[in-house]
C-alpha atoms as a PDB file:
ATOM      1  CA  MET A   1     102.975-154.416  64.592  1.00  0.00           C
ATOM      2  CA  LEU A   2     102.983-150.895  66.023  1.00  0.00           C
ATOM      3  CA  LEU A   3      99.859-150.111  63.991  1.00  0.00           C
ATOM      4  CA  ASN A   4      98.034-153.119  65.458  1.00  0.00           C
ATOM      5  CA  GLY A   5      98.931-152.028  68.976  1.00  0.00           C
ATOM      6  CA  LEU A   6      97.710-148.518  68.230  1.00  0.00           C
ATOM      7  CA  ARG A   7      94.417-149.876  66.850  1.00  0.00           C
ATOM      8  CA  ARG A   8      93.886-151.987  69.961  1.00  0.00           C
ATOM      9  CA  ALA A   9      94.634-149.015  72.205  1.00  0.00           C
ATOM     10  CA  VAL A  10      92.229-146.768  70.289  1.00  0.00           C
ATOM     11  CA  GLY A  11      89.579-149.491  70.430  1.00  0.00           C
ATOM     12  CA  ALA A  12      90.019-149.855  74.176  1.00  0.00           C
ATOM     13  CA  VAL A  13      89.725-146.096  74.693  1.00  0.00           C
ATOM     14  CA  ARG A  14      86.625-146.016  72.498  1.00  0.00           C
ATOM     15  CA  ARG A  15      84.982-148.834  74.494  1.00  0.00           C
ATOM     16  CA  TYR A  16      85.890-147.115  77.760  1.00  0.00           C
ATOM     17  CA  VAL A  17      84.418-143.772  76.652  1.00  0.00           C
ATOM     18  CA  ARG A  18      81.222-145.442  75.382  1.00  0.00           C
ATOM     19  CA  GLU A  19      80.851-147.200  78.723  1.00  0.00           C
ATOM     20  CA  LEU A  20      81.608-143.990  80.619  1.00  0.00           C
ATOM     21  CA  MET A  21      78.992-142.055  78.619  1.00  0.00           C
ATOM     22  CA  ASP A  22      76.523-144.954  79.085  1.00  0.00           C
ATOM     23  CA  GLU A  23      76.034-145.412  75.345  1.00  0.00           C
ATOM     24  CA  THR A  24      75.920-149.157  75.898  1.00  0.00           C
ATOM     25  CA  ALA A  25      72.896-149.033  78.228  1.00  0.00           C
ATOM     26  CA  TYR A  26      70.465-149.983  75.458  1.00  0.00           C
ATOM     27  CA  ASN A  27      72.587-152.925  74.329  1.00  0.00           C
ATOM     28  CA  ARG A  28      72.818-154.174  77.919  1.00  0.00           C
ATOM     29  CA  TYR A  29      69.056-153.734  78.350  1.00  0.00           C
ATOM     30  CA  VAL A  30      68.268-155.744  75.196  1.00  0.00           C
ATOM     31  CA  ALA A  31      70.717-158.507  76.151  1.00  0.00           C
ATOM     32  CA  HIS A  32      69.251-158.723  79.647  1.00  0.00           C
ATOM     33  CA  ALA A  33      65.637-158.767  78.421  1.00  0.00           C
ATOM     34  CA  ARG A  34      66.342-161.419  75.801  1.00  0.00           C
ATOM     35  CA  SER A  35      68.318-163.588  78.207  1.00  0.00           C
ATOM     36  CA  HIS A  36      65.207-163.830  80.392  1.00  0.00           C
ATOM     37  CA  ASP A  37      62.711-164.225  77.516  1.00  0.00           C
ATOM     38  CA  PRO A  38      64.049-164.615  73.946  1.00  0.00           C
ATOM     39  CA  ALA A  39      60.634-163.784  72.461  1.00  0.00           C
ATOM     40  CA  VAL A  40      60.186-160.541  74.407  1.00  0.00           C
ATOM     41  CA  SER A  41      59.349-157.404  72.438  1.00  0.00           C
ATOM     42  CA  VAL A  42      61.960-154.788  73.289  1.00  0.00           C
ATOM     43  CA  PRO A  43      61.396-151.068  72.709  1.00  0.00           C
ATOM     44  CA  SER A  44      63.313-149.219  70.030  1.00  0.00           C
ATOM     45  CA  ARG A  45      66.402-147.304  71.093  1.00  0.00           C
ATOM     46  CA  ARG A  46      64.445-144.043  70.903  1.00  0.00           C
ATOM     47  CA  GLU A  47      61.648-145.442  73.097  1.00  0.00           C
ATOM     48  CA  PHE A  48      64.209-146.804  75.548  1.00  0.00           C
ATOM     49  CA  GLU A  49      65.958-143.428  75.845  1.00  0.00           C
ATOM     50  CA  ARG A  50      62.605-141.683  76.374  1.00  0.00           C
ATOM     51  CA  MET A  51      61.647-144.161  79.139  1.00  0.00           C
ATOM     52  CA  ARG A  52      65.046-143.736  80.766  1.00  0.00           C
ATOM     53  CA  THR A  53      64.877-139.941  80.664  1.00  0.00           C
ATOM     54  CA  ASP A  54      61.313-139.925  82.027  1.00  0.00           C
ATOM     55  CA  ARG A  55      62.363-142.221  84.873  1.00  0.00           C
ATOM     56  CA  GLN A  56      65.367-140.033  85.731  1.00  0.00           C
ATOM     57  CA  GLU A  57      63.317-136.825  85.673  1.00  0.00           C
ATOM     58  CA  SER A  58      60.570-138.297  87.854  1.00  0.00           C
ATOM     59  CA  ASP A  59      62.997-139.312  90.624  1.00  0.00           C
ATOM     60  CA  PRO A  60      64.386-136.230  92.398  1.00  0.00           C
ATOM     61  CA  GLY A  61      66.793-138.398  94.379  1.00  0.00           C
ATOM     62  CA  SER A  62      68.635-139.549  91.265  1.00  0.00           C
ATOM     63  CA  GLY A  63      70.422-136.231  90.904  1.00  0.00           C
ATOM     64  CA  PHE A  64      69.278-135.743  87.296  1.00  0.00           C
ATOM     65  CA  ARG A  65      69.676-132.188  86.082  1.00  0.00           C
ATOM     66  CA  CYS A  66      69.205-130.725  82.659  1.00  0.00           C
ATOM     67  CA  CYS A  67      71.946-128.096  82.958  1.00  0.00           C
END
């Protein structure tokens, strides 16, 4: 019983950290794209991250910094 509670707590912390670090952005993007058009061709995770980084770097108002 204590072990199950600990597992749930660790899982919740893991989900929170992934959300905080925006690791779930790609999953949200794919879900959103497919909810609008199930046959849509979505980019790979690598392509998505490249597009996202390019967009952030091209917008000086976004506050993106490399260091």
